[in-house]
Amino acid sequence: MENFELLFPITPEGKAATKAVYTRWAAAKAAGTIPDDFVVSKETKARQVRARITLWDADNQNYQDLKNIKIPVLVADGREDIIDNPQNSVIIAKQIPFAWLAFYEGGHAFLFQSYKKLSETVNVFLQKD
């Protein structure tokens, strides 16, 4: 559970969410419904950091290209994400024409912490004209 603090805010609510997700994952593991290895190697973490640095430091072309997206986009984020600042989602959504922007309770793993609200939003988003 050492890496959960990166995913959920370090608040009583975040700790409760961490415990709830861990409990759900443990139950699924016991039932044999998900892999039993949630360990992320140091090499994988280093590659992720290197990819982010390469992406953002190379040039601004990816950001500039966002304005050319012609399909509906839902940008979602956790309000308390300490891995990727939620302001980045605002910047991205502003660059994409007619993008939807939605924030949820939680950190980087908001999709686990606020999965019901997220799924409701996704359903509405996918059903729109």
N, C-alpha and C. Protein backbone atom coordinates (compact mmCIF):
# COMPACT_ATOMS: atom_id res chain seq x y z
N MET A 1 0.81 -1.20 0.00
CA MET A 1 0.00 0.00 0.00
C MET A 1 0.85 1.26 0.00
N GLU A 2 2.16 1.10 -0.11
CA GLU A 2 3.05 2.26 -0.03
C GLU A 2 2.83 3.28 -1.13
N ASN A 3 2.39 2.86 -2.31
CA ASN A 3 2.21 3.78 -3.42
C ASN A 3 0.82 4.38 -3.48
N PHE A 4 -0.08 3.94 -2.63
CA PHE A 4 -1.42 4.50 -2.64
C PHE A 4 -1.43 5.98 -2.30
N GLU A 5 -0.46 6.42 -1.52
CA GLU A 5 -0.44 7.85 -1.15
C GLU A 5 -0.21 8.74 -2.36
N LEU A 6 0.28 8.17 -3.45
CA LEU A 6 0.41 8.94 -4.68
C LEU A 6 -0.92 9.05 -5.41
N LEU A 7 -1.82 8.14 -5.14
CA LEU A 7 -3.08 8.08 -5.87
C LEU A 7 -4.22 8.80 -5.17
N PHE A 8 -4.20 8.82 -3.86
CA PHE A 8 -5.29 9.41 -3.09
C PHE A 8 -4.73 10.53 -2.22
N PRO A 9 -5.53 11.54 -1.95
CA PRO A 9 -5.07 12.62 -1.08
C PRO A 9 -4.77 12.08 0.33
N ILE A 10 -3.81 12.70 0.99
CA ILE A 10 -3.45 12.28 2.34
C ILE A 10 -4.35 13.03 3.32
N THR A 11 -5.59 12.64 3.31
CA THR A 11 -6.62 13.20 4.19
C THR A 11 -7.38 12.01 4.76
N PRO A 12 -8.21 12.23 5.77
CA PRO A 12 -9.01 11.11 6.27
C PRO A 12 -9.86 10.47 5.17
N GLU A 13 -10.44 11.31 4.28
CA GLU A 13 -11.24 10.79 3.18
C GLU A 13 -10.39 9.98 2.21
N GLY A 14 -9.20 10.50 1.91
CA GLY A 14 -8.30 9.80 1.00
C GLY A 14 -7.84 8.47 1.58
N LYS A 15 -7.56 8.46 2.87
CA LYS A 15 -7.14 7.21 3.52
C LYS A 15 -8.29 6.21 3.53
N ALA A 16 -9.51 6.69 3.73
CA ALA A 16 -10.68 5.80 3.69
C ALA A 16 -10.86 5.24 2.28
N ALA A 17 -10.67 6.09 1.28
CA ALA A 17 -10.79 5.64 -0.11
C ALA A 17 -9.71 4.62 -0.43
N THR A 18 -8.50 4.86 0.05
CA THR A 18 -7.40 3.92 -0.15
C THR A 18 -7.77 2.56 0.41
N LYS A 19 -8.27 2.57 1.63
CA LYS A 19 -8.65 1.31 2.28
C LYS A 19 -9.77 0.62 1.50
N ALA A 20 -10.75 1.38 1.03
CA ALA A 20 -11.87 0.80 0.29
C ALA A 20 -11.39 0.17 -1.02
N VAL A 21 -10.54 0.88 -1.74
CA VAL A 21 -10.02 0.33 -3.01
C VAL A 21 -9.18 -0.90 -2.75
N TYR A 22 -8.31 -0.81 -1.74
CA TYR A 22 -7.47 -1.96 -1.42
C TYR A 22 -8.32 -3.17 -1.04
N THR A 23 -9.37 -2.94 -0.27
CA THR A 23 -10.27 -4.02 0.13
C THR A 23 -10.95 -4.63 -1.09
N ARG A 24 -11.43 -3.78 -2.01
CA ARG A 24 -12.06 -4.29 -3.24
C ARG A 24 -11.07 -5.10 -4.07
N TRP A 25 -9.85 -4.59 -4.19
CA TRP A 25 -8.84 -5.31 -4.97
C TRP A 25 -8.49 -6.65 -4.31
N ALA A 26 -8.37 -6.64 -2.99
CA ALA A 26 -8.05 -7.88 -2.28
C ALA A 26 -9.16 -8.91 -2.46
N ALA A 27 -10.41 -8.47 -2.41
CA ALA A 27 -11.54 -9.38 -2.61
C ALA A 27 -11.53 -9.94 -4.03
N ALA A 28 -11.27 -9.08 -5.01
CA ALA A 28 -11.21 -9.53 -6.40
C ALA A 28 -10.06 -10.52 -6.59
N LYS A 29 -8.95 -10.23 -5.97
CA LYS A 29 -7.79 -11.14 -6.07
C LYS A 29 -8.15 -12.50 -5.49
N ALA A 30 -8.80 -12.50 -4.31
CA ALA A 30 -9.19 -13.75 -3.68
C ALA A 30 -10.16 -14.53 -4.56
N ALA A 31 -10.99 -13.82 -5.30
CA ALA A 31 -11.95 -14.47 -6.19
C ALA A 31 -11.31 -14.87 -7.52
N GLY A 32 -10.06 -14.45 -7.73
CA GLY A 32 -9.37 -14.79 -8.97
C GLY A 32 -9.83 -13.98 -10.17
N THR A 33 -10.34 -12.78 -9.92
CA THR A 33 -10.89 -12.00 -11.02
C THR A 33 -9.93 -10.95 -11.56
N ILE A 34 -8.82 -10.72 -10.88
CA ILE A 34 -7.81 -9.77 -11.36
C ILE A 34 -6.43 -10.34 -11.07
N PRO A 35 -5.40 -9.83 -11.75
CA PRO A 35 -4.04 -10.28 -11.45
C PRO A 35 -3.68 -9.98 -10.01
N ASP A 36 -2.79 -10.79 -9.46
CA ASP A 36 -2.42 -10.60 -8.06
C ASP A 36 -1.13 -9.81 -7.88
N ASP A 37 -0.66 -9.16 -8.94
CA ASP A 37 0.60 -8.42 -8.84
C ASP A 37 0.34 -6.96 -9.17
N PHE A 38 0.35 -6.12 -8.15
CA PHE A 38 0.14 -4.70 -8.35
C PHE A 38 1.43 -3.92 -8.17
N VAL A 39 2.54 -4.60 -8.17
CA VAL A 39 3.82 -3.95 -7.97
C VAL A 39 4.26 -3.26 -9.26
N VAL A 40 4.67 -2.02 -9.14
CA VAL A 40 5.22 -1.29 -10.28
C VAL A 40 6.71 -1.17 -10.03
N SER A 41 7.49 -1.66 -10.96
CA SER A 41 8.94 -1.67 -10.77
C SER A 41 9.51 -0.25 -10.81
N LYS A 42 10.68 -0.08 -10.23
CA LYS A 42 11.36 1.21 -10.27
C LYS A 42 11.66 1.60 -11.71
N GLU A 43 11.96 0.62 -12.55
CA GLU A 43 12.24 0.89 -13.96
C GLU A 43 11.00 1.46 -14.65
N THR A 44 9.83 0.88 -14.37
CA THR A 44 8.60 1.38 -14.97
C THR A 44 8.32 2.81 -14.53
N LYS A 45 8.51 3.08 -13.24
CA LYS A 45 8.31 4.44 -12.72
C LYS A 45 9.27 5.41 -13.39
N ALA A 46 10.53 5.00 -13.55
CA ALA A 46 11.53 5.86 -14.18
C ALA A 46 11.17 6.12 -15.64
N ARG A 47 10.67 5.10 -16.34
CA ARG A 47 10.27 5.28 -17.74
C ARG A 47 9.09 6.24 -17.86
N GLN A 48 8.16 6.16 -16.90
CA GLN A 48 7.03 7.08 -16.92
C GLN A 48 7.49 8.52 -16.75
N VAL A 49 8.39 8.73 -15.82
CA VAL A 49 8.92 10.07 -15.60
C VAL A 49 9.66 10.55 -16.85
N ARG A 50 10.48 9.69 -17.43
CA ARG A 50 11.23 10.06 -18.63
C ARG A 50 10.28 10.38 -19.79
N ALA A 51 9.22 9.60 -19.93
CA ALA A 51 8.25 9.87 -21.01
C ALA A 51 7.58 11.22 -20.81
N ARG A 52 7.22 11.55 -19.58
CA ARG A 52 6.57 12.83 -19.31
C ARG A 52 7.53 13.98 -19.60
N ILE A 53 8.78 13.82 -19.19
CA ILE A 53 9.77 14.88 -19.43
C ILE A 53 9.98 15.05 -20.93
N THR A 54 10.10 13.93 -21.66
CA THR A 54 10.30 14.00 -23.10
C THR A 54 9.11 14.66 -23.77
N LEU A 55 7.91 14.27 -23.36
CA LEU A 55 6.70 14.81 -23.97
C LEU A 55 6.60 16.32 -23.74
N TRP A 56 6.78 16.77 -22.53
CA TRP A 56 6.54 18.18 -22.22
C TRP A 56 7.74 19.07 -22.53
N ASP A 57 8.95 18.52 -22.50
CA ASP A 57 10.12 19.36 -22.75
C ASP A 57 10.51 19.43 -24.22
N ALA A 58 10.04 18.49 -25.03
CA ALA A 58 10.47 18.44 -26.42
C ALA A 58 10.03 19.69 -27.17
N ASP A 59 8.73 19.94 -27.23
CA ASP A 59 8.19 21.12 -27.86
C ASP A 59 6.72 21.23 -27.49
N ASN A 60 6.06 22.17 -28.03
CA ASN A 60 4.66 22.43 -27.69
C ASN A 60 3.70 21.84 -28.72
N GLN A 61 4.20 21.03 -29.64
CA GLN A 61 3.37 20.57 -30.75
C GLN A 61 2.15 19.76 -30.28
N ASN A 62 2.33 18.87 -29.30
CA ASN A 62 1.18 18.09 -28.82
C ASN A 62 0.09 19.01 -28.29
N TYR A 63 0.50 20.01 -27.55
CA TYR A 63 -0.47 20.97 -27.01
C TYR A 63 -1.15 21.73 -28.16
N GLN A 64 -0.38 22.19 -29.10
CA GLN A 64 -0.94 22.93 -30.23
C GLN A 64 -1.92 22.07 -31.04
N ASP A 65 -1.62 20.78 -31.17
CA ASP A 65 -2.47 19.89 -31.95
C ASP A 65 -3.82 19.61 -31.30
N LEU A 66 -3.95 19.86 -30.02
CA LEU A 66 -5.22 19.62 -29.34
C LEU A 66 -6.37 20.41 -29.97
N LYS A 67 -6.08 21.60 -30.46
CA LYS A 67 -7.14 22.43 -31.04
C LYS A 67 -7.69 21.86 -32.35
N ASN A 68 -7.00 20.85 -32.90
CA ASN A 68 -7.44 20.24 -34.15
C ASN A 68 -8.33 19.02 -33.94
N ILE A 69 -8.58 18.66 -32.70
CA ILE A 69 -9.43 17.50 -32.43
C ILE A 69 -10.86 17.83 -32.83
N LYS A 70 -11.46 16.96 -33.60
CA LYS A 70 -12.79 17.22 -34.16
C LYS A 70 -13.87 16.32 -33.58
N ILE A 71 -13.54 15.51 -32.61
CA ILE A 71 -14.52 14.61 -32.00
C ILE A 71 -14.73 15.01 -30.54
N PRO A 72 -15.86 14.62 -29.97
CA PRO A 72 -16.12 14.96 -28.57
C PRO A 72 -15.06 14.37 -27.64
N VAL A 73 -14.66 15.16 -26.65
CA VAL A 73 -13.64 14.73 -25.69
C VAL A 73 -14.14 15.04 -24.28
N LEU A 74 -13.99 14.05 -23.40
CA LEU A 74 -14.26 14.24 -21.99
C LEU A 74 -12.92 14.25 -21.27
N VAL A 75 -12.60 15.34 -20.61
CA VAL A 75 -11.37 15.45 -19.82
C VAL A 75 -11.80 15.33 -18.37
N ALA A 76 -11.27 14.34 -17.66
CA ALA A 76 -11.64 14.11 -16.27
C ALA A 76 -10.39 14.07 -15.39
N ASP A 77 -10.56 14.50 -14.14
CA ASP A 77 -9.41 14.55 -13.24
C ASP A 77 -9.89 14.54 -11.80
N GLY A 78 -8.99 14.21 -10.90
CA GLY A 78 -9.25 14.29 -9.46
C GLY A 78 -8.87 15.67 -8.95
N ARG A 79 -9.69 16.22 -8.09
CA ARG A 79 -9.44 17.58 -7.57
C ARG A 79 -8.14 17.68 -6.79
N GLU A 80 -7.71 16.57 -6.20
CA GLU A 80 -6.54 16.61 -5.33
C GLU A 80 -5.38 15.78 -5.88
N ASP A 81 -5.25 15.72 -7.19
CA ASP A 81 -4.20 14.94 -7.84
C ASP A 81 -2.85 15.60 -7.59
N ILE A 82 -1.94 14.87 -6.92
CA ILE A 82 -0.61 15.42 -6.67
C ILE A 82 0.41 14.93 -7.70
N ILE A 83 0.02 13.98 -8.54
CA ILE A 83 0.92 13.50 -9.58
C ILE A 83 0.83 14.39 -10.81
N ASP A 84 -0.39 14.74 -11.17
CA ASP A 84 -0.62 15.59 -12.34
C ASP A 84 -1.58 16.71 -11.91
N ASN A 85 -1.07 17.89 -11.79
CA ASN A 85 -1.83 19.03 -11.29
C ASN A 85 -3.16 19.17 -12.04
N PRO A 86 -4.28 19.25 -11.31
CA PRO A 86 -5.58 19.39 -11.96
C PRO A 86 -5.67 20.60 -12.91
N GLN A 87 -4.88 21.61 -12.69
CA GLN A 87 -4.87 22.77 -13.58
C GLN A 87 -4.47 22.35 -15.00
N ASN A 88 -3.70 21.28 -15.12
CA ASN A 88 -3.32 20.79 -16.45
C ASN A 88 -4.55 20.35 -17.25
N SER A 89 -5.52 19.76 -16.55
CA SER A 89 -6.75 19.35 -17.23
C SER A 89 -7.53 20.55 -17.73
N VAL A 90 -7.52 21.62 -16.97
CA VAL A 90 -8.18 22.86 -17.40
C VAL A 90 -7.51 23.38 -18.66
N ILE A 91 -6.20 23.39 -18.67
CA ILE A 91 -5.44 23.88 -19.83
C ILE A 91 -5.74 23.03 -21.06
N ILE A 92 -5.76 21.71 -20.88
CA ILE A 92 -6.03 20.80 -21.99
C ILE A 92 -7.44 21.00 -22.51
N ALA A 93 -8.41 21.05 -21.60
CA ALA A 93 -9.81 21.19 -22.02
C ALA A 93 -10.06 22.50 -22.75
N LYS A 94 -9.39 23.56 -22.31
CA LYS A 94 -9.56 24.86 -22.99
C LYS A 94 -9.01 24.83 -24.41
N GLN A 95 -8.06 23.96 -24.66
CA GLN A 95 -7.43 23.89 -25.98
C GLN A 95 -8.25 23.04 -26.96
N ILE A 96 -9.10 22.14 -26.45
CA ILE A 96 -9.89 21.24 -27.30
C ILE A 96 -11.27 21.85 -27.51
N PRO A 97 -11.66 22.09 -28.75
CA PRO A 97 -12.97 22.69 -29.01
C PRO A 97 -14.11 21.87 -28.41
N PHE A 98 -14.95 22.52 -27.64
CA PHE A 98 -16.16 21.93 -27.06
C PHE A 98 -15.89 20.74 -26.15
N ALA A 99 -14.72 20.67 -25.54
CA ALA A 99 -14.42 19.57 -24.62
C ALA A 99 -15.26 19.70 -23.35
N TRP A 100 -15.61 18.58 -22.78
CA TRP A 100 -16.23 18.54 -21.46
C TRP A 100 -15.12 18.42 -20.44
N LEU A 101 -15.24 19.12 -19.33
CA LEU A 101 -14.26 19.03 -18.25
C LEU A 101 -14.99 18.67 -16.97
N ALA A 102 -14.55 17.60 -16.32
CA ALA A 102 -15.21 17.15 -15.09
C ALA A 102 -14.16 16.83 -14.03
N PHE A 103 -14.38 17.33 -12.83
CA PHE A 103 -13.51 17.03 -11.70
C PHE A 103 -14.26 16.18 -10.69
N TYR A 104 -13.53 15.31 -10.04
CA TYR A 104 -14.11 14.38 -9.07
C TYR A 104 -13.33 14.43 -7.77
N GLU A 105 -13.99 13.99 -6.71
CA GLU A 105 -13.31 13.89 -5.43
C GLU A 105 -12.19 12.88 -5.56
N GLY A 106 -11.04 13.20 -4.99
CA GLY A 106 -9.94 12.26 -4.99
C GLY A 106 -8.71 12.80 -5.68
N GLY A 107 -7.72 11.94 -5.74
CA GLY A 107 -6.44 12.29 -6.33
C GLY A 107 -6.27 11.65 -7.70
N HIS A 108 -5.06 11.15 -7.95
CA HIS A 108 -4.73 10.59 -9.25
C HIS A 108 -5.59 9.37 -9.57
N ALA A 109 -6.06 8.70 -8.54
CA ALA A 109 -6.90 7.51 -8.74
C ALA A 109 -8.37 7.82 -8.52
N PHE A 110 -8.78 9.01 -8.92
CA PHE A 110 -10.18 9.42 -8.75
C PHE A 110 -11.14 8.42 -9.40
N LEU A 111 -10.70 7.77 -10.47
CA LEU A 111 -11.58 6.84 -11.15
C LEU A 111 -11.94 5.64 -10.28
N PHE A 112 -11.14 5.35 -9.27
CA PHE A 112 -11.49 4.31 -8.30
C PHE A 112 -12.28 4.90 -7.14
N GLN A 113 -11.87 6.08 -6.70
CA GLN A 113 -12.50 6.71 -5.55
C GLN A 113 -13.90 7.22 -5.89
N SER A 114 -14.07 7.77 -7.07
CA SER A 114 -15.36 8.35 -7.48
C SER A 114 -15.92 7.62 -8.69
N TYR A 115 -15.76 6.31 -8.72
CA TYR A 115 -16.12 5.54 -9.91
C TYR A 115 -17.60 5.64 -10.26
N LYS A 116 -18.47 5.76 -9.28
CA LYS A 116 -19.90 5.85 -9.60
C LYS A 116 -20.22 7.16 -10.31
N LYS A 117 -19.72 8.27 -9.77
CA LYS A 117 -19.97 9.57 -10.41
C LYS A 117 -19.30 9.64 -11.78
N LEU A 118 -18.10 9.11 -11.87
CA LEU A 118 -17.41 9.09 -13.16
C LEU A 118 -18.21 8.28 -14.18
N SER A 119 -18.67 7.10 -13.80
CA SER A 119 -19.42 6.27 -14.75
C SER A 119 -20.72 6.95 -15.18
N GLU A 120 -21.36 7.67 -14.28
CA GLU A 120 -22.57 8.42 -14.66
C GLU A 120 -22.23 9.50 -15.69
N THR A 121 -21.13 10.20 -15.46
CA THR A 121 -20.71 11.24 -16.41
C THR A 121 -20.38 10.64 -17.77
N VAL A 122 -19.64 9.55 -17.76
CA VAL A 122 -19.27 8.89 -19.03
C VAL A 122 -20.53 8.45 -19.77
N ASN A 123 -21.49 7.88 -19.06
CA ASN A 123 -22.75 7.47 -19.71
C ASN A 123 -23.46 8.64 -20.36
N VAL A 124 -23.57 9.75 -19.65
CA VAL A 124 -24.21 10.95 -20.21
C VAL A 124 -23.42 11.44 -21.42
N PHE A 125 -22.11 11.50 -21.27
CA PHE A 125 -21.23 11.98 -22.36
C PHE A 125 -21.41 11.11 -23.62
N LEU A 126 -21.46 9.82 -23.45
CA LEU A 126 -21.56 8.91 -24.60
C LEU A 126 -22.94 8.93 -25.24
N GLN A 127 -23.96 9.35 -24.49
CA GLN A 127 -25.32 9.36 -25.03
C GLN A 127 -25.71 10.68 -25.66
N LYS A 128 -24.87 11.68 -25.52
CA LYS A 128 -25.22 12.99 -26.08
C LYS A 128 -25.16 12.94 -27.60
N ASP A 129 -25.82 13.90 -28.22
CA ASP A 129 -25.86 13.95 -29.69
C ASP A 129 -24.54 14.39 -30.26
